[in-house]
């Protein structure tokens, strides 16, 4: 393995560590959603970080309230971290083309339902801030 790329194997574990630290109240910088900033509409992944943090704290109800893809994301990150550390290289287990397309369709469908509920029905599908 090329030495200067060995550190990439730590990315999934570092991501999990970041989420754990944030879920414990450690103030760390985050990324502000440019889509929501520009349009005022939450993006398909808005509140996914909060969902992942709640998943890591064991609060599945809150995690699913924030974003239904949060708990599976945490599981995937754990798997990716294990594989990457074991193989000593970044080893992201990605689905095949058809499965990836299905995931994208599910994510966009879920987002459209949330936005419709938020805008048309007044549901609190997205927190105010």
N, C-alpha and C. Protein backbone atom coordinates (compact mmCIF):
# COMPACT_ATOMS: atom_id res chain seq x y z
N UNK A 1 0.84 -1.19 0.00
CA UNK A 1 0.00 0.00 0.00
C UNK A 1 0.88 1.24 0.00
N UNK A 2 0.44 2.24 -0.70
CA UNK A 2 1.17 3.50 -0.78
C UNK A 2 1.04 4.22 0.56
N UNK A 3 2.18 4.59 1.15
CA UNK A 3 2.21 5.18 2.48
C UNK A 3 1.41 6.47 2.62
N UNK A 4 1.48 7.34 1.62
CA UNK A 4 0.80 8.63 1.76
C UNK A 4 -0.71 8.50 1.66
N UNK A 5 -1.23 7.35 1.29
CA UNK A 5 -2.69 7.14 1.24
C UNK A 5 -3.18 6.28 2.39
N UNK A 6 -2.30 5.81 3.21
CA UNK A 6 -2.68 4.93 4.32
C UNK A 6 -3.65 5.62 5.28
N UNK A 7 -3.49 6.93 5.47
CA UNK A 7 -4.35 7.68 6.38
C UNK A 7 -5.81 7.66 5.92
N UNK A 8 -6.06 7.44 4.63
CA UNK A 8 -7.44 7.41 4.13
C UNK A 8 -8.26 6.30 4.78
N UNK A 9 -7.59 5.25 5.23
CA UNK A 9 -8.28 4.16 5.90
C UNK A 9 -8.96 4.62 7.18
N UNK A 10 -8.50 5.74 7.73
CA UNK A 10 -9.06 6.26 8.97
C UNK A 10 -10.29 7.14 8.77
N UNK A 11 -10.61 7.50 7.54
CA UNK A 11 -11.73 8.43 7.29
C UNK A 11 -13.07 7.94 7.85
N UNK A 12 -13.51 6.70 7.58
CA UNK A 12 -14.80 6.29 8.16
C UNK A 12 -14.80 6.30 9.68
N UNK A 13 -13.70 5.87 10.29
CA UNK A 13 -13.60 5.88 11.75
C UNK A 13 -13.58 7.31 12.28
N UNK A 14 -12.87 8.20 11.59
CA UNK A 14 -12.83 9.61 11.99
C UNK A 14 -14.22 10.24 11.87
N UNK A 15 -14.96 9.86 10.85
CA UNK A 15 -16.33 10.37 10.69
C UNK A 15 -17.21 9.92 11.85
N UNK A 16 -17.10 8.65 12.21
CA UNK A 16 -17.86 8.15 13.37
C UNK A 16 -17.43 8.87 14.64
N UNK A 17 -16.14 9.09 14.80
CA UNK A 17 -15.64 9.81 15.98
C UNK A 17 -16.18 11.23 16.04
N UNK A 18 -16.22 11.89 14.89
CA UNK A 18 -16.78 13.24 14.81
C UNK A 18 -18.24 13.23 15.25
N UNK A 19 -19.02 12.27 14.75
CA UNK A 19 -20.44 12.19 15.10
C UNK A 19 -20.64 11.88 16.58
N UNK A 20 -19.81 10.99 17.12
CA UNK A 20 -19.91 10.67 18.55
C UNK A 20 -19.59 11.91 19.38
N UNK A 21 -18.52 12.62 19.02
CA UNK A 21 -18.14 13.83 19.78
C UNK A 21 -19.25 14.87 19.72
N UNK A 22 -19.79 15.10 18.53
CA UNK A 22 -20.89 16.07 18.40
C UNK A 22 -22.10 15.64 19.21
N UNK A 23 -22.40 14.33 19.22
CA UNK A 23 -23.57 13.86 19.96
C UNK A 23 -23.38 13.98 21.47
N UNK A 24 -22.12 14.09 21.91
CA UNK A 24 -21.82 14.27 23.33
C UNK A 24 -21.71 15.73 23.73
N UNK A 25 -22.03 16.63 22.78
CA UNK A 25 -22.04 18.05 23.09
C UNK A 25 -20.76 18.80 22.78
N UNK A 26 -19.77 18.12 22.21
CA UNK A 26 -18.53 18.79 21.84
C UNK A 26 -18.82 19.69 20.65
N UNK A 27 -18.46 20.97 20.77
CA UNK A 27 -18.71 21.90 19.67
C UNK A 27 -17.63 21.73 18.61
N UNK A 28 -18.03 21.22 17.48
CA UNK A 28 -17.13 21.05 16.34
C UNK A 28 -17.75 21.72 15.13
N UNK A 29 -16.93 22.21 14.23
CA UNK A 29 -17.50 22.85 13.05
C UNK A 29 -18.25 21.86 12.19
N UNK A 30 -19.25 22.36 11.52
CA UNK A 30 -20.03 21.53 10.61
C UNK A 30 -20.21 22.27 9.30
N UNK A 31 -20.87 21.63 8.39
CA UNK A 31 -21.13 22.23 7.08
C UNK A 31 -22.56 22.74 7.05
N UNK A 32 -22.73 23.99 6.66
CA UNK A 32 -24.06 24.55 6.50
C UNK A 32 -24.56 24.17 5.12
N UNK A 33 -25.79 23.72 5.05
CA UNK A 33 -26.36 23.24 3.80
C UNK A 33 -26.52 24.41 2.80
N UNK A 34 -25.75 24.39 1.71
CA UNK A 34 -25.88 25.48 0.74
C UNK A 34 -27.23 25.48 0.03
N UNK A 35 -27.81 24.31 -0.19
CA UNK A 35 -29.11 24.22 -0.85
C UNK A 35 -30.17 24.94 -0.03
N UNK A 36 -30.20 24.65 1.28
CA UNK A 36 -31.18 25.27 2.16
C UNK A 36 -30.92 26.76 2.33
N UNK A 37 -29.63 27.15 2.36
CA UNK A 37 -29.28 28.55 2.49
C UNK A 37 -29.77 29.35 1.29
N UNK A 38 -29.62 28.80 0.10
CA UNK A 38 -30.00 29.50 -1.12
C UNK A 38 -31.50 29.46 -1.37
N UNK A 39 -32.11 28.28 -1.20
CA UNK A 39 -33.52 28.12 -1.56
C UNK A 39 -34.49 28.26 -0.40
N UNK A 40 -34.02 28.04 0.81
CA UNK A 40 -34.92 28.03 1.97
C UNK A 40 -35.61 26.69 2.15
N UNK A 41 -35.32 25.74 1.27
CA UNK A 41 -35.91 24.40 1.32
C UNK A 41 -34.84 23.42 1.79
N UNK A 42 -35.13 22.60 2.79
CA UNK A 42 -34.15 21.61 3.22
C UNK A 42 -33.80 20.64 2.08
N UNK A 43 -32.55 20.23 2.02
CA UNK A 43 -32.10 19.31 0.98
C UNK A 43 -32.45 17.87 1.36
N UNK A 44 -32.25 16.92 0.45
CA UNK A 44 -32.58 15.52 0.76
C UNK A 44 -31.82 14.96 1.96
N UNK A 45 -30.66 15.51 2.28
CA UNK A 45 -29.91 14.97 3.41
C UNK A 45 -29.96 15.88 4.65
N UNK A 46 -30.77 16.92 4.62
CA UNK A 46 -30.88 17.79 5.80
C UNK A 46 -31.32 16.96 7.01
N UNK A 47 -30.64 17.17 8.11
CA UNK A 47 -30.88 16.52 9.41
C UNK A 47 -30.38 15.09 9.46
N UNK A 48 -29.60 14.68 8.47
CA UNK A 48 -29.00 13.35 8.49
C UNK A 48 -27.92 13.26 9.57
N UNK A 49 -27.17 14.35 9.77
CA UNK A 49 -26.15 14.36 10.82
C UNK A 49 -26.81 14.21 12.19
N UNK A 50 -27.88 14.95 12.43
CA UNK A 50 -28.59 14.85 13.71
C UNK A 50 -29.14 13.44 13.92
N UNK A 51 -29.63 12.85 12.85
CA UNK A 51 -30.14 11.48 12.93
C UNK A 51 -29.03 10.50 13.28
N UNK A 52 -27.88 10.66 12.64
CA UNK A 52 -26.75 9.78 12.92
C UNK A 52 -26.28 9.95 14.37
N UNK A 53 -26.25 11.19 14.85
CA UNK A 53 -25.84 11.43 16.24
C UNK A 53 -26.82 10.77 17.21
N UNK A 54 -28.11 10.90 16.95
CA UNK A 54 -29.11 10.25 17.81
C UNK A 54 -28.97 8.73 17.75
N UNK A 55 -28.66 8.20 16.58
CA UNK A 55 -28.45 6.76 16.44
C UNK A 55 -27.29 6.30 17.30
N UNK A 56 -26.21 7.05 17.30
CA UNK A 56 -25.03 6.69 18.08
C UNK A 56 -25.28 6.81 19.57
N UNK A 57 -26.26 7.62 19.97
CA UNK A 57 -26.64 7.71 21.38
C UNK A 57 -27.65 6.64 21.76
N UNK A 58 -28.12 5.88 20.78
CA UNK A 58 -29.07 4.82 21.05
C UNK A 58 -30.52 5.27 21.05
N UNK A 59 -30.79 6.48 20.62
CA UNK A 59 -32.16 7.01 20.58
C UNK A 59 -32.73 6.84 19.17
N UNK A 60 -33.23 5.64 18.89
CA UNK A 60 -33.72 5.32 17.56
C UNK A 60 -34.94 6.15 17.19
N UNK A 61 -35.81 6.44 18.13
CA UNK A 61 -36.98 7.26 17.85
C UNK A 61 -36.62 8.65 17.37
N UNK A 62 -35.70 9.29 18.08
CA UNK A 62 -35.25 10.62 17.68
C UNK A 62 -34.49 10.55 16.35
N UNK A 63 -33.69 9.51 16.18
CA UNK A 63 -32.94 9.35 14.94
C UNK A 63 -33.89 9.26 13.75
N UNK A 64 -34.94 8.47 13.87
CA UNK A 64 -35.90 8.32 12.78
C UNK A 64 -36.73 9.59 12.59
N UNK A 65 -36.94 10.34 13.66
CA UNK A 65 -37.65 11.61 13.55
C UNK A 65 -36.86 12.60 12.69
N UNK A 66 -35.54 12.62 12.90
CA UNK A 66 -34.70 13.55 12.15
C UNK A 66 -34.53 13.13 10.70
N UNK A 67 -34.24 11.85 10.46
CA UNK A 67 -34.04 11.38 9.08
C UNK A 67 -34.01 9.85 9.11
N UNK A 68 -34.82 9.24 8.29
CA UNK A 68 -34.94 7.79 8.31
C UNK A 68 -33.67 7.08 7.84
N UNK A 69 -32.81 7.78 7.11
CA UNK A 69 -31.58 7.18 6.61
C UNK A 69 -30.43 7.25 7.61
N UNK A 70 -30.63 7.89 8.76
CA UNK A 70 -29.56 8.04 9.75
C UNK A 70 -29.07 6.73 10.34
N UNK A 71 -29.96 5.89 10.88
CA UNK A 71 -29.48 4.62 11.44
C UNK A 71 -28.76 3.73 10.42
N UNK A 72 -29.29 3.59 9.19
CA UNK A 72 -28.52 2.79 8.22
C UNK A 72 -27.17 3.43 7.88
N UNK A 73 -27.11 4.76 7.87
CA UNK A 73 -25.84 5.43 7.59
C UNK A 73 -24.80 5.08 8.66
N UNK A 74 -25.22 5.08 9.92
CA UNK A 74 -24.29 4.75 11.01
C UNK A 74 -23.81 3.31 10.86
N UNK A 75 -24.72 2.39 10.53
CA UNK A 75 -24.32 1.01 10.30
C UNK A 75 -23.33 0.89 9.16
N UNK A 76 -23.60 1.61 8.08
CA UNK A 76 -22.71 1.58 6.93
C UNK A 76 -21.33 2.16 7.28
N UNK A 77 -21.31 3.26 8.04
CA UNK A 77 -20.04 3.85 8.45
C UNK A 77 -19.24 2.90 9.33
N UNK A 78 -19.93 2.20 10.22
CA UNK A 78 -19.25 1.21 11.06
C UNK A 78 -18.65 0.10 10.23
N UNK A 79 -19.40 -0.38 9.27
CA UNK A 79 -18.91 -1.43 8.38
C UNK A 79 -17.72 -0.91 7.56
N UNK A 80 -17.84 0.29 7.03
CA UNK A 80 -16.76 0.89 6.24
C UNK A 80 -15.51 1.08 7.10
N UNK A 81 -15.68 1.50 8.35
CA UNK A 81 -14.54 1.69 9.25
C UNK A 81 -13.86 0.36 9.51
N UNK A 82 -14.63 -0.67 9.80
CA UNK A 82 -14.07 -1.99 10.07
C UNK A 82 -13.30 -2.52 8.85
N UNK A 83 -13.92 -2.43 7.68
CA UNK A 83 -13.26 -2.92 6.46
C UNK A 83 -12.00 -2.12 6.14
N UNK A 84 -12.08 -0.81 6.30
CA UNK A 84 -10.93 0.04 5.96
C UNK A 84 -9.76 -0.23 6.90
N UNK A 85 -10.04 -0.36 8.19
CA UNK A 85 -8.96 -0.64 9.14
C UNK A 85 -8.38 -2.03 8.91
N UNK A 86 -9.23 -2.96 8.61
CA UNK A 86 -8.79 -4.34 8.37
C UNK A 86 -7.92 -4.44 7.12
N UNK A 87 -8.31 -3.72 6.07
CA UNK A 87 -7.58 -3.77 4.81
C UNK A 87 -6.47 -2.72 4.71
N UNK A 88 -6.39 -1.84 5.69
CA UNK A 88 -5.39 -0.78 5.74
C UNK A 88 -5.43 0.12 4.51
N UNK A 89 -6.63 0.33 4.03
CA UNK A 89 -6.87 1.24 2.91
C UNK A 89 -8.34 1.64 2.98
N UNK A 90 -8.70 2.72 2.33
CA UNK A 90 -10.09 3.14 2.32
C UNK A 90 -10.89 2.11 1.53
N UNK A 91 -11.82 1.44 2.20
CA UNK A 91 -12.61 0.38 1.58
C UNK A 91 -14.08 0.67 1.84
N UNK A 92 -14.67 1.48 0.99
CA UNK A 92 -16.08 1.83 1.16
C UNK A 92 -16.95 0.79 0.46
N UNK A 93 -17.76 0.08 1.22
CA UNK A 93 -18.65 -0.91 0.61
C UNK A 93 -19.83 -0.22 -0.07
N UNK A 94 -19.73 -0.03 -1.36
CA UNK A 94 -20.78 0.65 -2.11
C UNK A 94 -21.67 -0.34 -2.84
N UNK A 95 -22.97 -0.06 -2.91
CA UNK A 95 -23.87 -0.96 -3.62
C UNK A 95 -23.61 -0.92 -5.13
N UNK A 96 -24.13 -1.93 -5.81
CA UNK A 96 -24.00 -1.99 -7.26
C UNK A 96 -24.80 -0.85 -7.89
N UNK A 97 -24.66 -0.68 -9.19
CA UNK A 97 -25.34 0.41 -9.89
C UNK A 97 -26.84 0.42 -9.70
N UNK A 98 -27.48 -0.75 -9.83
CA UNK A 98 -28.92 -0.83 -9.66
C UNK A 98 -29.36 -0.54 -8.24
N UNK A 99 -28.62 -1.07 -7.27
CA UNK A 99 -28.95 -0.82 -5.87
C UNK A 99 -28.70 0.64 -5.50
N UNK A 100 -27.66 1.22 -6.07
CA UNK A 100 -27.38 2.63 -5.81
C UNK A 100 -28.49 3.51 -6.39
N UNK A 101 -28.94 3.17 -7.58
CA UNK A 101 -30.05 3.92 -8.19
C UNK A 101 -31.30 3.80 -7.33
N UNK A 102 -31.57 2.62 -6.81
CA UNK A 102 -32.73 2.42 -5.94
C UNK A 102 -32.61 3.25 -4.67
N UNK A 103 -31.41 3.32 -4.08
CA UNK A 103 -31.20 4.14 -2.89
C UNK A 103 -31.44 5.62 -3.17
N UNK A 104 -30.97 6.09 -4.32
CA UNK A 104 -31.16 7.49 -4.69
C UNK A 104 -32.65 7.78 -4.87
N UNK A 105 -33.37 6.86 -5.53
CA UNK A 105 -34.82 7.04 -5.72
C UNK A 105 -35.53 7.06 -4.37
N UNK A 106 -35.15 6.16 -3.46
CA UNK A 106 -35.76 6.14 -2.12
C UNK A 106 -35.47 7.43 -1.37
N UNK A 107 -34.23 7.90 -1.44
CA UNK A 107 -33.87 9.14 -0.75
C UNK A 107 -34.66 10.32 -1.30
N UNK A 108 -34.75 10.43 -2.62
CA UNK A 108 -35.48 11.55 -3.22
C UNK A 108 -36.98 11.46 -2.96
N UNK A 109 -37.53 10.24 -2.95
CA UNK A 109 -38.95 10.06 -2.65
C UNK A 109 -39.25 10.45 -1.20
N UNK A 110 -38.39 10.02 -0.30
CA UNK A 110 -38.53 10.37 1.11
C UNK A 110 -38.46 11.88 1.30
N UNK A 111 -37.53 12.52 0.60
CA UNK A 111 -37.38 13.97 0.67
C UNK A 111 -38.63 14.68 0.16
N UNK A 112 -39.15 14.22 -0.97
CA UNK A 112 -40.35 14.86 -1.53
C UNK A 112 -41.54 14.73 -0.59
N UNK A 113 -41.68 13.58 0.06
CA UNK A 113 -42.76 13.41 1.05
C UNK A 113 -42.58 14.36 2.23
N UNK A 114 -41.36 14.50 2.69
CA UNK A 114 -41.10 15.40 3.82
C UNK A 114 -41.37 16.86 3.43
N UNK A 115 -40.91 17.26 2.26
CA UNK A 115 -41.13 18.64 1.82
C UNK A 115 -42.62 18.89 1.62
N UNK A 116 -43.33 17.94 1.02
CA UNK A 116 -44.78 18.09 0.82
C UNK A 116 -45.50 18.19 2.16
N UNK A 117 -45.13 17.36 3.11
CA UNK A 117 -45.75 17.43 4.43
C UNK A 117 -45.46 18.73 5.13
N UNK A 118 -44.25 19.23 4.95
CA UNK A 118 -43.82 20.48 5.59
C UNK A 118 -44.51 21.68 4.96
N UNK A 119 -44.55 21.73 3.63
CA UNK A 119 -45.09 22.92 2.96
C UNK A 119 -46.60 22.88 2.81
N UNK A 120 -47.16 21.72 2.48
CA UNK A 120 -48.59 21.64 2.18
C UNK A 120 -49.45 21.33 3.40
N UNK A 121 -48.92 20.53 4.29
CA UNK A 121 -49.73 20.08 5.43
C UNK A 121 -49.30 20.69 6.77
N UNK A 122 -48.19 21.42 6.76
CA UNK A 122 -47.73 22.06 7.99
C UNK A 122 -47.11 21.12 9.00
N UNK A 123 -46.69 19.95 8.56
CA UNK A 123 -46.04 18.99 9.46
C UNK A 123 -44.67 19.51 9.86
N UNK A 124 -44.24 19.16 11.04
CA UNK A 124 -42.92 19.55 11.52
C UNK A 124 -41.90 18.50 11.12
N UNK A 125 -41.77 18.29 9.81
CA UNK A 125 -40.83 17.28 9.32
C UNK A 125 -39.38 17.74 9.36
N UNK A 126 -39.18 19.06 9.48
CA UNK A 126 -37.83 19.63 9.58
C UNK A 126 -37.82 20.58 10.76
N UNK A 127 -36.84 20.47 11.66
CA UNK A 127 -36.74 21.44 12.75
C UNK A 127 -36.53 22.84 12.20
N UNK A 128 -36.87 23.82 12.97
CA UNK A 128 -36.83 25.22 12.51
C UNK A 128 -35.42 25.71 12.21
N UNK A 129 -34.42 25.23 12.94
CA UNK A 129 -33.07 25.74 12.69
C UNK A 129 -32.11 24.64 12.35
